Amino acid sequence: MATPAAAQDIYVSDLFKKSRAYAEAQGGHWAILSAKLGLVLPEEIIEPYNLTLAKTPKDYREEWDARIIQALSELPDRYSDIKVLAGKHYLGWVKDCPTLVSLPLDGLGIGQRLQFLKRAVCGQKTEQKFSLF
């Protein structure tokens, strides 16, 4: 049985690892969009779980979207440049925050996302404020 750990260590997919490397290379803060827990900070201790928003009902996703917006409003600093690296099922809340968010991976398939992130990590550091994935 898996044990609780820091959220940054629970997620192990290649896409997550590359997203994390991208966010850290940008020099800003980052957080995880968890299908089960909402907005999760990297150092937060969580239990392993197996849930994706793609397999949840519409009303669950609508509730989840509201939780994300609420969590963003409660962050210590108000971020005005949020780069969202998450897939389409995790973007419902974005329509309510269009001026705060950019979607650098929008419209890209999984292979293209991985290539973009890999290339971007080798690029120069920018003044990004916050990444979500």
Protein backbone atom coordinates (compact mmCIF):
# COMPACT_ATOMS: atom_id res chain seq x y z
CA MET A 1 0.00 0.00 0.00
CA ALA A 2 1.29 3.45 -0.91
CA THR A 3 1.88 5.92 1.90
CA PRO A 4 1.17 9.65 2.19
CA ALA A 5 3.89 11.91 0.80
CA ALA A 6 4.46 15.43 -0.50
CA ALA A 7 2.23 16.01 -3.52
CA GLN A 8 5.28 16.77 -5.67
CA ASP A 9 6.46 13.22 -5.01
CA ILE A 10 3.11 11.44 -5.43
CA TYR A 11 2.67 12.29 -9.10
CA VAL A 12 5.16 10.37 -11.23
CA SER A 13 4.05 10.50 -14.87
CA ASP A 14 6.47 11.75 -17.51
CA LEU A 15 4.11 14.64 -18.29
CA PHE A 16 4.00 15.65 -14.62
CA LYS A 17 7.80 15.49 -14.30
CA LYS A 18 8.30 17.62 -17.40
CA SER A 19 5.61 20.09 -16.29
CA ARG A 20 7.31 20.40 -12.90
CA ALA A 21 10.72 20.92 -14.53
CA TYR A 22 9.21 23.59 -16.78
CA ALA A 23 7.59 25.42 -13.87
CA GLU A 24 10.75 25.27 -11.78
CA ALA A 25 12.88 26.46 -14.72
CA GLN A 26 10.59 29.47 -15.09
CA GLY A 27 11.44 30.50 -11.55
CA GLY A 28 7.91 31.01 -10.28
CA HIS A 29 5.66 29.20 -7.86
CA TRP A 30 3.64 26.20 -8.98
CA ALA A 31 0.77 24.01 -7.85
CA ILE A 32 -1.02 20.87 -8.89
CA LEU A 33 -4.58 20.65 -10.18
CA SER A 34 -5.74 17.49 -8.42
CA ALA A 35 -8.96 15.83 -9.59
CA LYS A 36 -9.62 14.70 -6.03
CA LEU A 37 -8.24 17.54 -3.91
CA GLY A 38 -8.45 20.66 -6.06
CA LEU A 39 -5.47 23.03 -5.90
CA VAL A 40 -2.57 21.34 -4.13
CA LEU A 41 0.75 22.93 -3.24
CA PRO A 42 3.84 20.81 -3.98
CA GLU A 43 4.88 20.33 -0.35
CA GLU A 44 1.39 19.39 0.85
CA ILE A 45 1.23 15.86 2.27
CA ILE A 46 -1.46 13.84 0.51
CA GLU A 47 -2.60 10.23 0.23
CA PRO A 48 -2.12 8.54 -3.14
CA TYR A 49 -5.33 8.25 -5.17
CA ASN A 50 -6.51 7.27 -8.62
CA LEU A 51 -8.97 9.76 -10.12
CA THR A 52 -9.02 11.87 -13.26
CA LEU A 53 -11.52 14.59 -14.13
CA ALA A 54 -12.06 12.96 -17.52
CA LYS A 55 -14.00 10.20 -15.74
CA THR A 56 -16.13 12.38 -13.48
CA PRO A 57 -19.70 13.63 -14.04
CA LYS A 58 -20.33 17.19 -15.22
CA ASP A 59 -21.68 18.34 -11.83
CA TYR A 60 -18.47 17.11 -10.12
CA ARG A 61 -16.35 19.09 -12.61
CA GLU A 62 -18.47 22.21 -12.10
CA GLU A 63 -18.03 21.95 -8.32
CA TRP A 64 -14.34 21.30 -8.82
CA ASP A 65 -14.02 24.40 -11.04
CA ALA A 66 -15.59 26.53 -8.28
CA ARG A 67 -13.15 25.06 -5.73
CA ILE A 68 -10.19 25.97 -7.96
CA ILE A 69 -11.36 29.57 -8.36
CA GLN A 70 -11.90 29.82 -4.59
CA ALA A 71 -8.46 28.32 -3.85
CA LEU A 72 -6.74 30.75 -6.24
CA SER A 73 -8.45 33.68 -4.52
CA GLU A 74 -7.09 32.47 -1.16
CA LEU A 75 -3.44 32.28 -2.18
CA PRO A 76 -1.23 34.66 -0.19
CA ASP A 77 -0.33 36.63 -3.31
CA ARG A 78 -2.70 37.44 -6.11
CA TYR A 79 -1.08 36.11 -9.25
CA SER A 80 -1.73 37.87 -12.54
CA ASP A 81 0.24 35.52 -14.80
CA ILE A 82 -0.89 31.93 -14.36
CA LYS A 83 0.32 29.44 -16.93
CA VAL A 84 -1.90 26.39 -17.01
CA LEU A 85 -0.26 23.24 -18.34
CA ALA A 86 -3.18 20.91 -17.57
CA GLY A 87 -5.27 19.01 -20.09
CA LYS A 88 -8.67 20.08 -21.39
CA HIS A 89 -10.72 18.40 -18.65
CA TYR A 90 -8.97 20.61 -16.07
CA LEU A 91 -9.69 23.92 -17.80
CA GLY A 92 -13.39 24.56 -17.10
CA TRP A 93 -12.61 27.23 -14.49
CA VAL A 94 -10.39 29.18 -16.90
CA LYS A 95 -13.39 30.81 -18.59
CA ASP A 96 -14.02 32.70 -15.32
CA CYS A 97 -10.41 33.95 -15.09
CA PRO A 98 -9.47 34.73 -18.72
CA THR A 99 -7.23 37.72 -17.97
CA LEU A 100 -5.15 35.81 -15.42
CA VAL A 101 -4.41 32.71 -17.45
CA SER A 102 -2.32 31.64 -20.41
CA LEU A 103 -2.46 28.16 -21.92
CA PRO A 104 0.91 27.45 -23.57
CA LEU A 105 -0.03 23.84 -24.32
CA ASP A 106 -3.55 24.49 -25.61
CA GLY A 107 -4.43 22.34 -28.60
CA LEU A 108 -1.33 20.15 -28.36
CA GLY A 109 -1.48 16.37 -28.16
CA ILE A 110 0.40 14.51 -25.44
CA GLY A 111 3.52 13.97 -27.57
CA GLN A 112 3.59 17.62 -28.59
CA ARG A 113 3.14 18.68 -24.95
CA LEU A 114 6.09 16.59 -23.87
CA GLN A 115 8.26 18.00 -26.67
CA PHE A 116 7.26 21.59 -25.86
CA LEU A 117 8.06 21.13 -22.17
CA LYS A 118 11.36 19.42 -22.89
CA ARG A 119 12.47 22.21 -25.24
CA ALA A 120 11.21 24.97 -22.92
CA VAL A 121 13.17 23.64 -19.94
CA CYS A 122 16.34 24.12 -21.96
CA GLY A 123 15.36 27.72 -22.73
CA GLN A 124 15.89 30.84 -20.70
CA LYS A 125 14.26 31.68 -17.39
CA THR A 126 11.35 34.13 -17.59
CA GLU A 127 9.52 36.18 -15.01
CA GLN A 128 6.57 33.83 -14.74
CA LYS A 129 4.58 34.07 -11.53
CA PHE A 130 2.63 30.80 -11.17
CA SER A 131 2.10 27.50 -13.00
CA LEU A 132 -0.72 24.98 -12.61
CA PHE A 133 -0.72 21.44 -13.92
